[in-house]
Amino acid sequence: KTMTSLELAKEAVQILDKKKGMDLKLIGIRDISVLADYFVIATGTSSTHVKALADEVEFQLKERHSIATEHTEGYRSNSWILLDYGNVIVHVFTEESRAFYDLDRLWQDGETVDITEILKANEE
């Protein structure tokens, strides 16, 4: 069955969490932007970790759900990788880049989706 954009976003959060992505955020932006329905934002501990996180999301979504990105950006920089799944955009940053681009503040009018249940499920 086809995943909704929220299911896809939550799946990405779960994958990032399992790979030790930090400061995970899921922001609903469909009411304030035509870009996408959801942004998933995560921080990696290093450029290597950022790349590993992005690779894992791409791999798992393709492997388990046959969903491929429409567009990716930033693999050369390794400080901000963007995975565009159409209705869901996944951003993986180093701490410095996340602070610099400050998407959290930029999209503060979006709806912050509660992901504590997802993160808790991963701890079990």
N, C-alpha and C. Protein backbone atom coordinates (compact mmCIF):
# COMPACT_ATOMS: atom_id res chain seq x y z
N LYS A 1 0.84 -1.20 0.00
CA LYS A 1 0.00 0.00 0.00
C LYS A 1 0.87 1.25 0.00
N THR A 2 0.34 2.30 -0.52
CA THR A 2 1.09 3.55 -0.58
C THR A 2 1.12 4.20 0.80
N MET A 3 2.26 4.73 1.15
CA MET A 3 2.39 5.42 2.43
C MET A 3 1.89 6.84 2.32
N THR A 4 1.27 7.35 3.38
CA THR A 4 0.93 8.77 3.41
C THR A 4 2.22 9.54 3.67
N SER A 5 2.18 10.84 3.42
CA SER A 5 3.39 11.63 3.67
C SER A 5 3.76 11.60 5.15
N LEU A 6 2.77 11.54 6.04
CA LEU A 6 3.07 11.48 7.47
C LEU A 6 3.74 10.15 7.82
N GLU A 7 3.24 9.06 7.26
CA GLU A 7 3.85 7.74 7.52
C GLU A 7 5.28 7.71 7.02
N LEU A 8 5.50 8.27 5.85
CA LEU A 8 6.85 8.33 5.27
C LEU A 8 7.77 9.15 6.17
N ALA A 9 7.28 10.29 6.62
CA ALA A 9 8.07 11.16 7.49
C ALA A 9 8.42 10.45 8.79
N LYS A 10 7.44 9.77 9.38
CA LYS A 10 7.67 9.06 10.64
C LYS A 10 8.65 7.90 10.45
N GLU A 11 8.55 7.25 9.32
CA GLU A 11 9.48 6.16 9.00
C GLU A 11 10.91 6.70 8.93
N ALA A 12 11.07 7.86 8.29
CA ALA A 12 12.39 8.49 8.18
C ALA A 12 12.93 8.83 9.57
N VAL A 13 12.06 9.36 10.43
CA VAL A 13 12.46 9.69 11.80
C VAL A 13 12.95 8.44 12.52
N GLN A 14 12.23 7.35 12.35
CA GLN A 14 12.59 6.10 13.01
C GLN A 14 13.95 5.59 12.53
N ILE A 15 14.17 5.64 11.22
CA ILE A 15 15.44 5.20 10.64
C ILE A 15 16.59 6.07 11.19
N LEU A 16 16.38 7.39 11.20
CA LEU A 16 17.41 8.30 11.69
C LEU A 16 17.70 8.06 13.17
N ASP A 17 16.65 7.79 13.92
CA ASP A 17 16.81 7.54 15.35
C ASP A 17 17.62 6.27 15.60
N LYS A 18 17.32 5.23 14.85
CA LYS A 18 18.05 3.95 15.00
C LYS A 18 19.53 4.11 14.69
N LYS A 19 19.83 5.05 13.81
CA LYS A 19 21.22 5.31 13.42
C LYS A 19 21.86 6.38 14.29
N LYS A 20 21.22 6.70 15.40
CA LYS A 20 21.74 7.68 16.36
C LYS A 20 21.75 9.12 15.86
N GLY A 21 20.78 9.46 15.00
CA GLY A 21 20.62 10.85 14.60
C GLY A 21 20.16 11.63 15.83
N MET A 22 20.63 12.86 15.97
CA MET A 22 20.33 13.64 17.16
C MET A 22 19.33 14.75 16.87
N ASP A 23 18.66 15.21 17.95
CA ASP A 23 17.78 16.37 17.88
C ASP A 23 16.78 16.25 16.72
N LEU A 24 16.10 15.11 16.66
CA LEU A 24 15.17 14.85 15.57
C LEU A 24 13.92 15.70 15.68
N LYS A 25 13.50 16.25 14.54
CA LYS A 25 12.30 17.07 14.50
C LYS A 25 11.47 16.68 13.29
N LEU A 26 10.17 16.70 13.48
CA LEU A 26 9.24 16.47 12.38
C LEU A 26 8.30 17.65 12.37
N ILE A 27 8.35 18.41 11.28
CA ILE A 27 7.56 19.64 11.19
C ILE A 27 6.58 19.55 10.02
N GLY A 28 5.31 19.74 10.33
CA GLY A 28 4.30 19.79 9.28
C GLY A 28 4.26 21.18 8.68
N ILE A 29 4.48 21.28 7.36
CA ILE A 29 4.53 22.60 6.73
C ILE A 29 3.50 22.78 5.62
N ARG A 30 2.62 21.79 5.46
CA ARG A 30 1.68 21.86 4.32
C ARG A 30 0.79 23.09 4.36
N ASP A 31 0.50 23.59 5.56
CA ASP A 31 -0.36 24.77 5.67
C ASP A 31 0.37 26.07 5.38
N ILE A 32 1.70 26.05 5.41
CA ILE A 32 2.44 27.30 5.24
C ILE A 32 3.37 27.30 4.03
N SER A 33 3.43 26.18 3.30
CA SER A 33 4.36 26.11 2.18
C SER A 33 3.89 25.12 1.12
N VAL A 34 4.25 25.39 -0.12
CA VAL A 34 3.94 24.44 -1.19
C VAL A 34 5.11 23.48 -1.41
N LEU A 35 6.21 23.67 -0.69
CA LEU A 35 7.40 22.85 -0.87
C LEU A 35 7.13 21.38 -0.60
N ALA A 36 6.43 21.11 0.51
CA ALA A 36 6.23 19.73 0.94
C ALA A 36 5.17 19.72 2.03
N ASP A 37 4.81 18.52 2.48
CA ASP A 37 3.90 18.38 3.63
C ASP A 37 4.69 18.40 4.93
N TYR A 38 5.87 17.74 4.90
CA TYR A 38 6.66 17.59 6.13
C TYR A 38 8.14 17.78 5.88
N PHE A 39 8.79 18.34 6.87
CA PHE A 39 10.25 18.39 6.94
C PHE A 39 10.66 17.47 8.07
N VAL A 40 11.66 16.66 7.81
CA VAL A 40 12.30 15.88 8.88
C VAL A 40 13.69 16.47 9.02
N ILE A 41 14.06 16.84 10.25
CA ILE A 41 15.37 17.45 10.47
C ILE A 41 16.15 16.62 11.49
N ALA A 42 17.41 16.35 11.18
CA ALA A 42 18.24 15.56 12.09
C ALA A 42 19.65 16.13 12.08
N THR A 43 20.37 15.86 13.17
CA THR A 43 21.76 16.29 13.27
C THR A 43 22.65 15.06 13.41
N GLY A 44 23.76 15.08 12.69
CA GLY A 44 24.77 14.04 12.82
C GLY A 44 25.97 14.58 13.58
N THR A 45 26.75 13.69 14.16
CA THR A 45 27.89 14.11 15.00
C THR A 45 29.10 14.55 14.18
N SER A 46 29.15 14.17 12.91
CA SER A 46 30.28 14.52 12.05
C SER A 46 29.81 14.42 10.60
N SER A 47 30.62 14.86 9.66
CA SER A 47 30.23 14.77 8.26
C SER A 47 30.05 13.30 7.84
N THR A 48 30.86 12.43 8.42
CA THR A 48 30.74 10.99 8.14
C THR A 48 29.40 10.46 8.63
N HIS A 49 29.01 10.89 9.82
CA HIS A 49 27.74 10.47 10.40
C HIS A 49 26.56 11.02 9.59
N VAL A 50 26.68 12.28 9.16
CA VAL A 50 25.64 12.90 8.33
C VAL A 50 25.41 12.06 7.07
N LYS A 51 26.49 11.69 6.42
CA LYS A 51 26.39 10.89 5.20
C LYS A 51 25.79 9.51 5.50
N ALA A 52 26.22 8.90 6.60
CA ALA A 52 25.69 7.59 6.98
C ALA A 52 24.19 7.66 7.26
N LEU A 53 23.76 8.71 7.92
CA LEU A 53 22.33 8.89 8.22
C LEU A 53 21.52 9.02 6.93
N ALA A 54 21.99 9.88 6.04
CA ALA A 54 21.28 10.09 4.77
C ALA A 54 21.26 8.80 3.94
N ASP A 55 22.39 8.11 3.89
CA ASP A 55 22.47 6.85 3.15
C ASP A 55 21.48 5.83 3.69
N GLU A 56 21.38 5.77 5.01
CA GLU A 56 20.50 4.79 5.65
C GLU A 56 19.03 5.06 5.33
N VAL A 57 18.64 6.32 5.39
CA VAL A 57 17.26 6.69 5.05
C VAL A 57 16.97 6.28 3.61
N GLU A 58 17.87 6.65 2.70
CA GLU A 58 17.69 6.30 1.29
C GLU A 58 17.59 4.80 1.10
N PHE A 59 18.51 4.07 1.72
CA PHE A 59 18.56 2.62 1.58
C PHE A 59 17.30 1.96 2.13
N GLN A 60 16.93 2.29 3.36
CA GLN A 60 15.78 1.65 4.01
C GLN A 60 14.46 1.94 3.29
N LEU A 61 14.26 3.18 2.88
CA LEU A 61 13.00 3.51 2.21
C LEU A 61 12.89 2.81 0.86
N LYS A 62 14.03 2.69 0.18
CA LYS A 62 14.04 2.01 -1.11
C LYS A 62 13.84 0.50 -0.91
N GLU A 63 14.59 -0.04 0.05
CA GLU A 63 14.58 -1.47 0.33
C GLU A 63 13.22 -1.96 0.83
N ARG A 64 12.69 -1.27 1.83
CA ARG A 64 11.47 -1.74 2.50
C ARG A 64 10.18 -1.25 1.86
N HIS A 65 10.23 -0.10 1.17
CA HIS A 65 8.99 0.48 0.65
C HIS A 65 9.05 0.84 -0.82
N SER A 66 10.17 0.52 -1.46
CA SER A 66 10.38 0.86 -2.88
C SER A 66 10.15 2.35 -3.16
N ILE A 67 10.56 3.17 -2.22
CA ILE A 67 10.41 4.62 -2.39
C ILE A 67 11.81 5.22 -2.61
N ALA A 68 11.95 5.90 -3.72
CA ALA A 68 13.24 6.53 -4.03
C ALA A 68 13.10 8.04 -3.94
N THR A 69 14.23 8.71 -3.70
CA THR A 69 14.18 10.18 -3.65
C THR A 69 13.91 10.72 -5.04
N GLU A 70 13.26 11.88 -5.08
CA GLU A 70 13.08 12.57 -6.35
C GLU A 70 14.32 13.39 -6.65
N HIS A 71 15.03 13.75 -5.58
CA HIS A 71 16.15 14.67 -5.72
C HIS A 71 16.98 14.63 -4.45
N THR A 72 18.30 14.67 -4.58
CA THR A 72 19.14 14.78 -3.39
C THR A 72 20.15 15.90 -3.61
N GLU A 73 20.55 16.52 -2.52
CA GLU A 73 21.52 17.60 -2.60
C GLU A 73 22.49 17.51 -1.44
N GLY A 74 23.69 17.98 -1.65
CA GLY A 74 24.62 18.17 -0.54
C GLY A 74 25.59 17.05 -0.28
N TYR A 75 25.57 15.98 -1.07
CA TYR A 75 26.49 14.87 -0.78
C TYR A 75 27.95 15.30 -0.83
N ARG A 76 28.26 16.28 -1.64
CA ARG A 76 29.65 16.72 -1.70
C ARG A 76 30.05 17.50 -0.46
N SER A 77 29.10 18.25 0.10
CA SER A 77 29.45 19.08 1.26
C SER A 77 29.53 18.25 2.54
N ASN A 78 28.63 17.25 2.68
CA ASN A 78 28.55 16.43 3.90
C ASN A 78 28.28 17.24 5.17
N SER A 79 27.81 18.49 5.04
CA SER A 79 27.44 19.22 6.25
C SER A 79 25.93 19.44 6.26
N TRP A 80 25.31 19.32 5.08
CA TRP A 80 23.86 19.38 4.99
C TRP A 80 23.45 18.54 3.79
N ILE A 81 22.79 17.43 4.05
CA ILE A 81 22.30 16.60 2.95
C ILE A 81 20.78 16.67 2.96
N LEU A 82 20.23 16.90 1.79
CA LEU A 82 18.79 17.03 1.64
C LEU A 82 18.29 15.87 0.78
N LEU A 83 17.30 15.15 1.29
CA LEU A 83 16.67 14.08 0.54
C LEU A 83 15.23 14.49 0.26
N ASP A 84 14.91 14.65 -1.00
CA ASP A 84 13.58 15.13 -1.37
C ASP A 84 12.71 13.98 -1.84
N TYR A 85 11.69 13.67 -1.04
CA TYR A 85 10.75 12.61 -1.39
C TYR A 85 9.42 13.19 -1.86
N GLY A 86 9.46 14.39 -2.40
CA GLY A 86 8.22 15.01 -2.87
C GLY A 86 7.48 15.67 -1.72
N ASN A 87 6.61 14.91 -1.06
CA ASN A 87 5.84 15.47 0.05
C ASN A 87 6.60 15.53 1.36
N VAL A 88 7.74 14.85 1.39
CA VAL A 88 8.56 14.83 2.60
C VAL A 88 10.00 15.17 2.22
N ILE A 89 10.56 16.13 2.94
CA ILE A 89 11.96 16.49 2.69
C ILE A 89 12.75 16.22 3.96
N VAL A 90 13.79 15.40 3.82
CA VAL A 90 14.63 15.05 4.96
C VAL A 90 15.92 15.87 4.90
N HIS A 91 16.21 16.57 6.00
CA HIS A 91 17.43 17.38 6.10
C HIS A 91 18.32 16.75 7.16
N VAL A 92 19.56 16.45 6.79
CA VAL A 92 20.52 15.93 7.78
C VAL A 92 21.70 16.90 7.81
N PHE A 93 21.96 17.42 9.00
CA PHE A 93 22.98 18.46 9.18
C PHE A 93 24.09 18.02 10.13
N THR A 94 25.25 18.69 10.01
CA THR A 94 26.19 18.70 11.13
C THR A 94 25.64 19.75 12.09
N GLU A 95 26.12 19.75 13.33
CA GLU A 95 25.64 20.73 14.30
C GLU A 95 25.85 22.17 13.83
N GLU A 96 27.04 22.44 13.27
CA GLU A 96 27.37 23.79 12.83
C GLU A 96 26.40 24.24 11.73
N SER A 97 26.18 23.38 10.75
CA SER A 97 25.30 23.74 9.64
C SER A 97 23.86 23.92 10.10
N ARG A 98 23.43 23.06 11.02
CA ARG A 98 22.06 23.19 11.50
C ARG A 98 21.86 24.53 12.20
N ALA A 99 22.85 24.92 13.00
CA ALA A 99 22.78 26.21 13.69
C ALA A 99 22.81 27.35 12.68
N PHE A 100 23.66 27.21 11.66
CA PHE A 100 23.82 28.25 10.66
C PHE A 100 22.55 28.46 9.83
N TYR A 101 21.99 27.37 9.31
CA TYR A 101 20.80 27.50 8.45
C TYR A 101 19.52 27.67 9.25
N ASP A 102 19.53 27.19 10.49
CA ASP A 102 18.45 27.41 11.44
C ASP A 102 17.04 27.17 10.89
N LEU A 103 16.86 26.01 10.25
CA LEU A 103 15.53 25.67 9.72
C LEU A 103 14.50 25.58 10.83
N ASP A 104 14.94 25.19 12.03
CA ASP A 104 14.03 25.08 13.16
C ASP A 104 13.31 26.41 13.41
N ARG A 105 14.06 27.50 13.35
CA ARG A 105 13.47 28.82 13.56
C ARG A 105 12.71 29.27 12.32
N LEU A 106 13.31 29.01 11.17
CA LEU A 106 12.71 29.42 9.90
C LEU A 106 11.31 28.84 9.71
N TRP A 107 11.13 27.61 10.16
CA TRP A 107 9.85 26.92 9.98
C TRP A 107 9.07 26.79 11.28
N GLN A 108 9.32 27.71 12.22
CA GLN A 108 8.67 27.61 13.52
C GLN A 108 7.15 27.77 13.43
N ASP A 109 6.64 28.33 12.34
CA ASP A 109 5.19 28.44 12.17
C ASP A 109 4.57 27.12 11.75
N GLY A 110 5.42 26.17 11.39
CA GLY A 110 4.91 24.85 11.04
C GLY A 110 4.40 24.12 12.27
N GLU A 111 3.76 22.99 12.03
CA GLU A 111 3.21 22.21 13.14
C GLU A 111 4.25 21.18 13.57
N THR A 112 4.71 21.29 14.81
CA THR A 112 5.68 20.32 15.31
C THR A 112 4.94 19.03 15.65
N VAL A 113 5.29 17.96 14.95
CA VAL A 113 4.64 16.68 15.17
C VAL A 113 5.34 15.96 16.32
N ASP A 114 4.55 15.45 17.25
CA ASP A 114 5.10 14.76 18.42
C ASP A 114 5.66 13.41 17.98
N ILE A 115 6.96 13.21 18.18
CA ILE A 115 7.58 11.95 17.76
C ILE A 115 8.07 11.13 18.94
N THR A 116 7.66 11.49 20.16
CA THR A 116 8.14 10.76 21.34
C THR A 116 7.79 9.27 21.27
N GLU A 117 6.61 8.95 20.74
CA GLU A 117 6.21 7.54 20.63
C GLU A 117 7.16 6.76 19.72
N ILE A 118 7.53 7.37 18.61
CA ILE A 118 8.45 6.72 17.66
C ILE A 118 9.79 6.46 18.33
N LEU A 119 10.29 7.49 19.01
CA LEU A 119 11.60 7.38 19.64
C LEU A 119 11.57 6.36 20.78
N LYS A 120 10.45 6.31 21.50
CA LYS A 120 10.31 5.34 22.57
C LYS A 120 10.31 3.93 22.03
N ALA A 121 9.59 3.72 20.92
CA ALA A 121 9.50 2.38 20.31
C ALA A 121 10.89 1.88 19.93
N ASN A 122 11.75 2.77 19.50
CA ASN A 122 13.11 2.38 19.12
C ASN A 122 13.96 1.97 20.31
N GLU A 123 13.59 2.45 21.51
CA GLU A 123 14.40 2.13 22.69
C GLU A 123 14.16 0.70 23.17
N GLU A 124 13.01 0.14 22.82
CA GLU A 124 12.63 -1.18 23.33
C GLU A 124 13.41 -2.31 22.71
